[in-house]
């Protein structure tokens, strides 16, 4: 038995050393590659065996049961590994296969101001998505290739046929009496719920982030159906998220950068009313006003309310040997503010935060939850955390918010594990000796 315990201890040390190596290796691979590495099958076996070793040591080493601190640390490690595996991509696949769960591990979604959305963008190959990236038949599948405007026929992972996309032109599938006809191109495919509950495709406002092709498919029996081929597939949430408002907040004092042909002259915050001495060669500049959205209204420059579409700084320039002039440095036009052909003044309004005002709503408009989210302050609802990730300006002056969505599967198990492990360390290193001393005092007094 002693040899077996010793073997378990050595295996535990080896697996801890491997964990250190894997962590260092993953840190140099980048986030995406590291995620794939730690979710790979060999690593899944590693995590499972490591968890079994730690769990088995609790029963094989009596000292762990006698010392609450050590027991809590080992139980905490087991909970952390179990929770991490349950919340991993492989864990979610197992939940779908054996427990009927429809959750996904992580994804992204985009919502335009004033719109409600229930679809997450998924990568190709996900087992829970609406397979818009391809249409499968018995011996092959077809896929829309946006870059070349072709429909590719694929078998065993290889393209054996390409057909150019021409709206209204019939393309035979090589199966008796079956064909497809491209009918409409979408720059940014989205779906709306109609009054009768059906989904209607539409071109989402904003950039072309999800190009797609609508086709009419006729099978060998003459049955017609409308299908979509898109770069991105979707997963439907069981609720809608509505973006009521999006705003960008900037640091109070934008940054000024003064350059000449030789390089940097001065750089720092543009404090309104504070003169900046650039030296005898370049004189003095004084920021007098900061604009979030500078516009000309009947020849008068004003700061318009609304999104920061045209940030700028008004500057008084006292160039040596010349009368004082008023200049404007525009963030979107960095080289527009040139002084006496000597130097250029650039401004940079640094973003401090993105804020989205969100509602969780049902299809009939009932509000289930509301929250104003920002970076590192997510919304938690329906088993998911919705993080503020990025944004996209739209042509109409509004914005679309981009949310990062992460499942909370296994998260509370991981939290409990860290709590148990930290509590065990504190108890074993400090509290145990305090309790021991308190216990020894009455015994010493009784003996005295």
Protein backbone atom coordinates (compact mmCIF):
# COMPACT_ATOMS: atom_id res chain seq x y z
CA UNK A 1 0.00 0.00 0.00
CA UNK A 2 2.87 2.36 0.81
CA UNK A 3 4.36 1.82 -2.66
CA UNK A 4 1.01 2.62 -4.27
CA UNK A 5 0.68 5.83 -2.21
CA UNK A 6 4.21 6.81 -3.17
CA UNK A 7 3.34 6.15 -6.82
CA UNK A 8 0.28 8.42 -6.54
CA UNK A 9 2.39 11.19 -5.01
CA UNK A 10 4.95 10.95 -7.80
CA UNK A 11 2.22 10.93 -10.44
CA UNK A 12 0.71 14.02 -8.83
CA UNK A 13 4.06 15.83 -8.94
CA UNK A 14 4.59 14.81 -12.58
CA UNK A 15 1.15 16.05 -13.60
CA UNK A 16 1.71 19.35 -11.78
CA UNK A 17 5.02 19.74 -13.63
CA UNK A 18 3.22 18.99 -16.92
CA UNK A 19 0.59 21.61 -16.06
CA UNK A 20 3.36 24.19 -15.59
CA UNK A 21 4.85 23.26 -18.96
CA UNK A 22 1.45 23.34 -20.72
CA UNK A 23 0.67 26.76 -19.21
CA UNK A 24 3.97 28.23 -20.41
CA UNK A 25 3.51 26.68 -23.85
CA UNK A 26 -0.06 27.99 -24.16
CA UNK A 27 1.01 31.51 -23.14
CA UNK A 28 3.24 31.71 -26.21
CA UNK A 29 0.62 30.34 -28.62
CA UNK A 30 -1.96 33.12 -28.44
CA UNK A 31 -5.56 32.93 -27.18
CA UNK A 32 -7.12 31.01 -30.09
CA UNK A 33 -4.40 28.36 -30.43
CA UNK A 34 -4.15 27.97 -26.66
CA UNK A 35 -7.90 27.40 -26.41
CA UNK A 36 -7.76 24.68 -29.08
CA UNK A 37 -4.73 23.13 -27.37
CA UNK A 38 -6.31 22.96 -23.91
CA UNK A 39 -9.57 21.60 -25.39
CA UNK A 40 -7.87 18.91 -27.47
CA UNK A 41 -8.49 15.20 -26.84
CA UNK A 42 -4.99 14.49 -25.37
CA UNK A 43 -5.41 17.36 -22.91
CA UNK A 44 -8.93 16.15 -22.05
CA UNK A 45 -7.39 12.78 -21.10
CA UNK A 46 -4.72 14.62 -19.09
CA UNK A 47 -7.31 16.63 -17.13
CA UNK A 48 -9.41 13.53 -16.44
CA UNK A 49 -6.43 11.50 -15.17
CA UNK A 50 -5.15 14.45 -13.11
CA UNK A 51 -8.55 14.82 -11.46
CA UNK A 52 -8.70 11.09 -10.69
CA UNK A 53 -5.19 11.19 -9.14
CA UNK A 54 -6.10 14.07 -6.83
CA UNK A 55 -9.48 12.53 -5.91
CA UNK A 56 -7.91 9.12 -5.25
CA UNK A 57 -5.23 10.66 -3.02
CA UNK A 58 -7.97 11.89 -0.66
CA UNK A 59 -8.95 8.29 0.08
CA UNK A 60 -5.48 6.74 -0.10
CA UNK A 61 -3.65 9.16 2.19
CA UNK A 62 -5.23 9.16 5.70
CA UNK A 63 -3.38 12.32 6.72
CA UNK A 64 -5.45 14.36 4.27
CA UNK A 65 -8.68 13.37 6.05
CA UNK A 66 -7.23 14.21 9.46
CA UNK A 67 -6.07 17.69 8.37
CA UNK A 68 -9.05 19.84 7.21
CA UNK A 69 -6.82 22.37 5.47
CA UNK A 70 -5.11 19.80 3.25
CA UNK A 71 -8.46 18.11 2.57
CA UNK A 72 -10.03 21.42 1.49
CA UNK A 73 -7.09 22.15 -0.84
CA UNK A 74 -7.38 18.76 -2.54
CA UNK A 75 -11.17 18.94 -2.79
CA UNK A 76 -10.79 22.46 -4.23
CA UNK A 77 -8.42 21.18 -6.94
CA UNK A 78 -10.88 18.43 -7.87
CA UNK A 79 -13.73 20.95 -8.13
CA UNK A 80 -11.64 23.33 -10.29
CA UNK A 81 -10.69 20.56 -12.73
CA UNK A 82 -14.24 19.15 -12.82
CA UNK A 83 -15.80 22.60 -13.36
CA UNK A 84 -13.28 23.50 -16.06
CA UNK A 85 -13.91 20.26 -17.94
CA UNK A 86 -17.69 20.69 -17.63
CA UNK A 87 -17.46 24.22 -19.04
CA UNK A 88 -15.05 23.33 -21.85
CA UNK A 89 -16.03 22.80 -25.49
CA UNK A 90 -15.80 19.03 -25.00
CA UNK A 91 -17.91 19.36 -21.86
CA UNK A 92 -20.63 21.19 -23.76
CA UNK A 93 -20.56 18.54 -26.49
CA UNK A 94 -21.00 15.86 -23.82
CA UNK A 95 -23.90 17.80 -22.25
CA UNK A 96 -25.63 17.94 -25.64
CA UNK A 97 -25.07 14.25 -26.34
CA UNK A 98 -26.04 12.75 -22.98
CA UNK A 99 -28.20 15.37 -21.25
CA UNK A 100 -29.97 17.11 -24.15
CA UNK A 101 -28.48 20.53 -23.35
CA UNK A 102 -28.55 23.10 -26.17
CA UNK A 103 -25.97 25.46 -24.69
CA UNK A 104 -22.86 26.59 -26.52
CA UNK A 105 -19.55 27.42 -24.86
CA UNK A 106 -18.83 30.85 -26.37
CA UNK A 107 -19.79 33.02 -29.31
CA UNK A 108 -20.45 36.59 -30.43
CA UNK A 109 -23.50 38.59 -31.41
CA UNK A 110 -24.13 41.96 -33.04
CA UNK A 111 -27.15 44.17 -32.27
CA UNK A 112 -28.05 47.49 -33.93
CA UNK A 113 -29.57 50.31 -31.87
CA UNK A 114 -33.34 49.92 -31.68
CA UNK A 115 -33.24 46.27 -32.76
CA UNK A 116 -33.74 43.01 -30.84
CA UNK A 117 -31.65 39.95 -31.66
CA UNK A 118 -31.61 36.29 -30.61
CA UNK A 119 -28.88 34.87 -32.85
CA UNK A 120 -25.26 34.14 -32.03
CA UNK A 121 -22.58 33.85 -34.70
CA UNK A 122 -20.93 30.45 -34.69
CA UNK A 123 -17.84 29.08 -36.34
CA UNK A 124 -18.09 26.43 -39.01
CA UNK A 125 -18.38 22.89 -37.69
CA UNK A 126 -20.43 23.63 -34.57
CA UNK A 127 -22.89 20.85 -33.85
CA UNK A 128 -25.70 23.12 -32.60
CA UNK A 129 -25.92 25.74 -35.30
CA UNK A 130 -28.29 26.38 -38.13
CA UNK A 131 -26.12 24.99 -40.91
CA UNK A 132 -26.18 27.98 -43.21
CA UNK A 133 -22.58 27.57 -44.29
CA UNK A 134 -23.41 24.57 -46.50
CA UNK A 135 -26.25 22.39 -47.81
CA UNK A 136 -25.60 18.65 -47.61
CA UNK A 137 -26.81 16.00 -50.01
CA UNK A 138 -26.17 12.24 -50.09
CA UNK A 139 -22.80 12.27 -51.85
CA UNK A 140 -21.70 15.91 -51.62
CA UNK A 141 -22.41 19.34 -50.20
CA UNK A 142 -22.54 22.82 -51.73
CA UNK A 143 -21.02 25.92 -50.20
CA UNK A 144 -21.09 29.60 -51.14
CA UNK A 145 -17.67 31.22 -51.54
CA UNK A 146 -18.07 34.96 -51.09
CA UNK A 147 -14.55 35.99 -52.17
CA UNK A 148 -14.77 34.37 -55.62
CA UNK A 149 -18.58 34.51 -56.00
CA UNK A 150 -18.71 30.78 -56.68
CA UNK A 151 -20.80 27.88 -55.45
CA UNK A 152 -18.44 25.01 -54.65
CA UNK A 153 -19.41 21.34 -54.85
CA UNK A 154 -17.50 19.45 -52.13
CA UNK A 155 -17.01 15.72 -51.55
CA UNK A 156 -14.67 14.16 -48.98
CA UNK A 157 -13.36 17.60 -48.12
CA UNK A 158 -12.31 18.39 -51.71
CA UNK A 159 -13.91 20.75 -54.24
CA UNK A 160 -14.66 18.88 -57.45
CA UNK A 161 -16.81 21.52 -59.17
CA UNK A 162 -17.24 25.31 -59.17
CA UNK A 163 -20.17 27.28 -60.57
CA UNK A 164 -20.25 31.12 -60.81
CA UNK A 165 -23.08 32.85 -58.98
CA UNK A 166 -25.45 34.63 -61.38
CA UNK A 167 -28.76 35.78 -59.90
CA UNK A 168 -31.67 34.04 -61.64
CA UNK A 169 -29.50 31.48 -63.43
CA UNK A 170 -30.25 27.79 -62.85
CA UNK A 171 -27.44 25.51 -61.63
CA UNK A 172 -27.91 21.76 -61.99
CA UNK A 173 -26.97 19.65 -58.97
CA UNK A 174 -26.17 16.60 -61.08
CA UNK A 175 -29.10 14.76 -59.53
CA UNK A 176 -32.12 13.97 -61.72
CA UNK A 177 -34.38 17.05 -62.15
CA UNK A 178 -32.77 18.82 -59.16
CA UNK A 179 -31.27 22.28 -59.34
CA UNK A 180 -30.73 25.56 -57.49
CA UNK A 181 -31.34 29.17 -58.53
CA UNK A 182 -29.56 32.08 -56.75
CA UNK A 183 -32.27 34.68 -56.10
CA UNK A 184 -30.80 37.33 -53.76
CA UNK A 185 -27.50 38.47 -52.30
CA UNK A 186 -27.23 39.80 -48.71
CA UNK A 187 -24.30 41.92 -47.60
CA UNK A 188 -25.09 41.29 -43.91
CA UNK A 189 -27.67 38.56 -43.41
CA UNK A 190 -30.00 38.84 -40.44
CA UNK A 191 -33.45 37.53 -39.53
CA UNK A 192 -36.56 39.25 -38.16
CA UNK A 193 -39.57 37.65 -36.52
CA UNK A 194 -42.79 38.29 -38.47
CA UNK A 195 -46.23 38.70 -36.85
CA UNK A 196 -47.03 35.00 -37.35
CA UNK A 197 -43.76 33.96 -35.68
CA UNK A 198 -41.86 33.07 -38.85
CA UNK A 199 -38.35 34.28 -39.59
CA UNK A 200 -37.80 36.73 -42.44
CA UNK A 201 -34.34 37.40 -43.86
CA UNK A 202 -33.18 41.00 -44.22
CA UNK A 203 -30.02 43.00 -44.81
CA UNK A 204 -28.81 44.08 -41.41
CA UNK A 205 -27.78 47.78 -41.23
CA UNK A 206 -24.07 48.41 -40.95
CA UNK A 207 -21.07 46.74 -42.50
CA UNK A 208 -21.14 43.57 -44.57
CA UNK A 209 -20.08 41.24 -41.75
CA UNK A 210 -22.14 38.21 -42.81
CA UNK A 211 -22.48 38.03 -46.61
CA UNK A 212 -24.96 35.39 -47.75
CA UNK A 213 -26.81 34.05 -50.75
CA UNK A 214 -30.49 33.16 -50.87
CA UNK A 215 -31.24 30.28 -53.23
CA UNK A 216 -34.31 28.39 -54.40
CA UNK A 217 -33.76 24.65 -54.21
CA UNK A 218 -35.81 22.20 -56.32
CA UNK A 219 -35.30 18.51 -55.48
CA UNK A 220 -35.80 15.49 -57.75
CA UNK A 221 -39.48 15.30 -56.73
CA UNK A 222 -40.09 18.90 -57.85
CA UNK A 223 -40.45 20.19 -54.28
CA UNK A 224 -39.21 23.79 -53.87
CA UNK A 225 -37.66 25.34 -50.76
CA UNK A 226 -35.80 28.53 -49.90
CA UNK A 227 -32.35 28.09 -48.39
CA UNK A 228 -29.48 30.36 -47.34
CA UNK A 229 -25.75 29.95 -47.77
CA UNK A 230 -23.75 32.24 -45.48
CA UNK A 231 -20.20 32.68 -44.26
CA UNK A 232 -21.44 32.43 -40.68
CA UNK A 233 -23.95 30.10 -39.07
CA UNK A 234 -26.35 31.01 -36.29
CA UNK A 235 -27.50 29.65 -32.96
CA UNK A 236 -30.85 30.81 -31.59
CA UNK A 237 -31.07 31.96 -27.99
CA UNK A 238 -34.38 31.20 -26.21
CA UNK A 239 -34.90 34.96 -25.68
CA UNK A 240 -34.28 38.27 -27.44
CA UNK A 241 -31.76 40.96 -26.49
CA UNK A 242 -32.71 44.52 -27.41
CA UNK A 243 -30.19 47.35 -27.68
CA UNK A 244 -31.94 50.50 -26.47
CA UNK A 245 -28.88 52.75 -26.56
CA UNK A 246 -25.15 52.62 -27.17
CA UNK A 247 -22.65 55.29 -26.21
CA UNK A 248 -18.91 55.81 -26.16
CA UNK A 249 -17.24 57.63 -23.29
CA UNK A 250 -13.89 59.39 -23.64
CA UNK A 251 -11.32 60.50 -21.13
CA UNK A 252 -11.90 64.12 -20.10
CA UNK A 253 -8.72 65.53 -21.62
CA UNK A 254 -7.87 64.32 -25.13
CA UNK A 255 -4.23 63.90 -26.09
CA UNK A 256 -2.25 66.32 -28.28
CA UNK A 257 0.74 65.29 -30.36
CA UNK A 258 2.91 67.95 -32.02
CA UNK A 259 5.27 66.80 -34.79
CA UNK A 260 7.59 68.29 -37.38
CA UNK A 261 9.54 66.63 -40.18
CA UNK A 262 12.23 65.56 -37.69
CA UNK A 263 9.83 63.83 -35.31
CA UNK A 264 8.06 64.45 -32.00
CA UNK A 265 8.09 67.97 -30.50
CA UNK A 266 5.59 67.57 -27.67
CA UNK A 267 2.96 65.08 -26.46
CA UNK A 268 0.52 65.21 -23.57
CA UNK A 269 -3.06 65.89 -22.41
CA UNK A 270 -4.86 68.87 -23.95
CA UNK A 271 -6.06 70.79 -20.89
CA UNK A 272 -8.40 73.61 -21.89
CA UNK A 273 -6.92 77.03 -21.10
CA UNK A 274 -3.45 75.71 -20.27
CA UNK A 275 -0.70 77.10 -22.52
CA UNK A 276 1.84 74.68 -23.94
CA UNK A 277 5.29 76.15 -24.57
CA UNK A 278 6.93 74.46 -27.56
CA UNK A 279 10.14 76.49 -27.32
CA UNK A 280 11.47 79.59 -29.12
CA UNK A 281 11.30 77.96 -32.56
CA UNK A 282 7.65 76.94 -32.45
CA UNK A 283 6.04 79.27 -29.91
CA UNK A 284 3.00 78.57 -27.73
CA UNK A 285 -0.24 76.67 -28.36
CA UNK A 286 -3.29 76.84 -26.07
CA UNK A 287 -6.24 74.43 -26.29
CA UNK A 288 -9.41 76.50 -25.83
CA UNK A 289 -12.25 74.08 -26.53
CA UNK A 290 -12.85 70.35 -26.98
CA UNK A 291 -15.55 69.04 -29.36
CA UNK A 292 -17.01 65.54 -29.33
CA UNK A 293 -18.86 66.15 -32.59
CA UNK A 294 -17.78 69.36 -34.33
CA UNK A 295 -20.25 70.63 -36.95
CA UNK A 296 -20.82 73.90 -38.78
CA UNK A 297 -24.31 75.34 -38.16
CA UNK A 298 -24.93 78.41 -40.36
CA UNK A 299 -21.22 79.10 -40.34
CA UNK A 300 -20.95 78.74 -36.57
CA UNK A 301 -18.92 75.83 -35.22
CA UNK A 302 -20.82 73.96 -32.51
CA UNK A 303 -20.56 70.75 -30.55
CA UNK A 304 -23.52 68.63 -31.66
CA UNK A 305 -25.24 66.24 -29.28
CA UNK A 306 -25.15 62.55 -30.03
CA UNK A 307 -22.38 60.11 -30.96
CA UNK A 308 -18.79 61.37 -31.16
CA UNK A 309 -18.62 61.38 -34.96
CA UNK A 310 -16.13 64.25 -35.40
CA UNK A 311 -13.89 64.79 -32.33
CA UNK A 312 -11.74 67.94 -32.55
CA UNK A 313 -9.83 70.52 -30.50
CA UNK A 314 -9.86 74.29 -30.93
CA UNK A 315 -6.33 75.70 -30.46
CA UNK A 316 -4.88 79.22 -30.26
CA UNK A 317 -1.45 79.29 -31.92
CA UNK A 318 1.16 81.94 -31.09
CA UNK A 319 3.85 81.23 -33.66
CA UNK A 320 7.01 83.40 -33.35
CA UNK A 321 6.87 86.45 -35.63
CA UNK A 322 3.23 85.90 -36.67
CA UNK A 323 -0.14 87.08 -35.28
CA UNK A 324 -2.14 84.74 -33.10
CA UNK A 325 -4.40 82.36 -35.11
CA UNK A 326 -7.16 79.92 -34.23
CA UNK A 327 -6.80 76.40 -35.61
CA UNK A 328 -8.76 73.15 -35.36
CA UNK A 329 -7.20 69.73 -35.03
CA UNK A 330 -9.49 66.89 -36.16
CA UNK A 331 -9.05 63.35 -34.91
CA UNK A 332 -10.31 61.85 -38.18
CA UNK A 333 -7.98 64.07 -40.25
CA UNK A 334 -4.69 63.84 -38.34
CA UNK A 335 -2.60 65.98 -40.73
CA UNK A 336 -5.15 68.75 -41.31
CA UNK A 337 -3.78 71.17 -38.66
CA UNK A 338 -0.47 72.46 -40.09
CA UNK A 339 1.12 75.62 -38.60
CA UNK A 340 3.32 77.84 -40.79
CA UNK A 341 4.50 74.77 -42.72
CA UNK A 342 6.61 74.02 -39.66
CA UNK A 343 4.70 71.52 -37.57
CA UNK A 344 1.42 69.61 -37.38
CA UNK A 345 -0.90 69.27 -34.37
CA UNK A 346 -2.76 66.00 -33.99
CA UNK A 347 -5.47 65.18 -31.46
CA UNK A 348 -6.53 61.81 -30.12
CA UNK A 349 -9.63 61.46 -27.96
CA UNK A 350 -8.92 58.22 -26.12
CA UNK A 351 -11.96 56.02 -25.53
CA UNK A 352 -12.46 55.15 -21.86
CA UNK A 353 -15.50 52.88 -22.13
CA UNK A 354 -18.23 51.38 -24.36
CA UNK A 355 -21.69 51.23 -22.79
CA UNK A 356 -24.75 49.30 -24.03
CA UNK A 357 -28.22 49.63 -22.51
CA UNK A 358 -29.80 46.19 -22.96
CA UNK A 359 -33.20 44.59 -22.33
CA UNK A 360 -33.94 40.86 -22.27
CA UNK A 361 -37.36 40.58 -23.92
CA UNK A 362 -39.81 37.92 -25.06
CA UNK A 363 -41.17 37.74 -28.59
CA UNK A 364 -44.28 39.68 -27.52
CA UNK A 365 -42.13 42.50 -26.08
CA UNK A 366 -42.27 41.65 -22.37
CA UNK A 367 -39.11 42.84 -20.59
CA UNK A 368 -37.55 40.09 -18.46
CA UNK A 369 -34.36 41.88 -17.38
CA UNK A 370 -32.49 45.10 -18.05
CA UNK A 371 -28.92 46.21 -17.52
CA UNK A 372 -26.46 48.87 -18.62
CA UNK A 373 -23.33 46.86 -19.44
CA UNK A 374 -19.79 48.06 -20.06
CA UNK A 375 -16.32 46.57 -20.27
CA UNK A 376 -15.82 44.05 -17.41
CA UNK A 377 -19.42 44.57 -16.20
CA UNK A 378 -21.45 41.93 -18.09
CA UNK A 379 -25.11 40.97 -18.11
CA UNK A 380 -25.85 37.49 -16.77
CA UNK A 381 -29.05 35.84 -17.94
CA UNK A 382 -30.25 32.43 -19.10
CA UNK A 383 -26.98 30.67 -18.29
CA UNK A 384 -24.82 33.10 -20.27
CA UNK A 385 -22.63 36.11 -19.55
CA UNK A 386 -22.91 38.90 -22.15
CA UNK A 387 -19.75 41.03 -22.23
CA UNK A 388 -19.23 44.35 -24.00
CA UNK A 389 -16.66 43.42 -26.64
CA UNK A 390 -16.62 46.09 -29.36
CA UNK A 391 -18.85 48.28 -31.54
CA UNK A 392 -19.46 49.26 -35.16
CA UNK A 393 -20.59 52.68 -36.48
CA UNK A 394 -23.59 52.48 -38.84
CA UNK A 395 -24.36 54.58 -41.88
CA UNK A 396 -27.37 56.24 -40.20
CA UNK A 397 -25.24 57.66 -37.37
CA UNK A 398 -26.22 54.94 -34.89
CA UNK A 399 -24.11 52.08 -33.64
CA UNK A 400 -24.18 48.31 -33.47
CA UNK A 401 -22.84 46.76 -30.29
CA UNK A 402 -20.78 43.58 -30.45
CA UNK A 403 -21.18 41.28 -27.49
CA UNK A 404 -19.02 38.36 -26.42
CA UNK A 405 -21.22 35.55 -25.08
CA UNK A 406 -19.91 32.89 -22.67
CA UNK A 407 -21.72 30.00 -21.00
CA UNK A 408 -21.59 29.78 -17.21
CA UNK A 409 -21.49 25.95 -17.25
CA UNK A 410 -19.05 24.75 -14.62
CA UNK A 411 -18.25 28.29 -13.52
CA UNK A 412 -19.73 28.04 -10.03
CA UNK A 413 -17.99 24.70 -9.49
CA UNK A 414 -14.69 26.42 -10.35
CA UNK A 415 -15.51 29.29 -7.97
CA UNK A 416 -16.31 26.81 -5.19
CA UNK A 417 -13.03 25.03 -5.89
CA UNK A 418 -10.97 28.20 -5.61
CA UNK A 419 -12.84 29.16 -2.42
CA UNK A 420 -12.14 25.73 -0.89
CA UNK A 421 -8.49 25.73 -1.98
CA UNK A 422 -7.81 29.27 -0.69
CA UNK A 423 -9.69 28.56 2.53
CA UNK A 424 -7.69 25.37 3.00
CA UNK A 425 -4.40 27.24 2.52
CA UNK A 426 -5.37 29.94 5.04
CA UNK A 427 -6.53 27.37 7.59
CA UNK A 428 -3.49 25.08 7.20
CA UNK A 429 -0.88 27.84 7.28
CA UNK A 430 -2.34 30.23 9.89
CA UNK A 431 -5.64 29.34 11.55
CA UNK A 432 -4.63 25.79 12.48
CA UNK A 433 -1.82 27.06 14.73
CA UNK A 434 -4.16 29.65 16.30
CA UNK A 435 -6.79 27.00 17.15
CA UNK A 436 -4.07 24.68 18.39
CA UNK A 437 -2.74 27.31 20.82
CA UNK A 438 -6.24 28.10 22.10
CA UNK A 439 -6.84 24.41 22.70
CA UNK A 440 -3.54 23.97 24.55
CA UNK A 441 -4.18 26.81 27.05
CA UNK A 442 -7.14 25.18 28.87
CA UNK A 443 -5.26 21.87 28.96
CA UNK A 444 -2.20 23.54 30.48
CA UNK A 445 -4.35 25.34 33.07
CA UNK A 446 -6.12 22.10 33.98
CA UNK A 447 -2.79 20.35 34.50
CA UNK A 448 -1.44 23.26 36.56
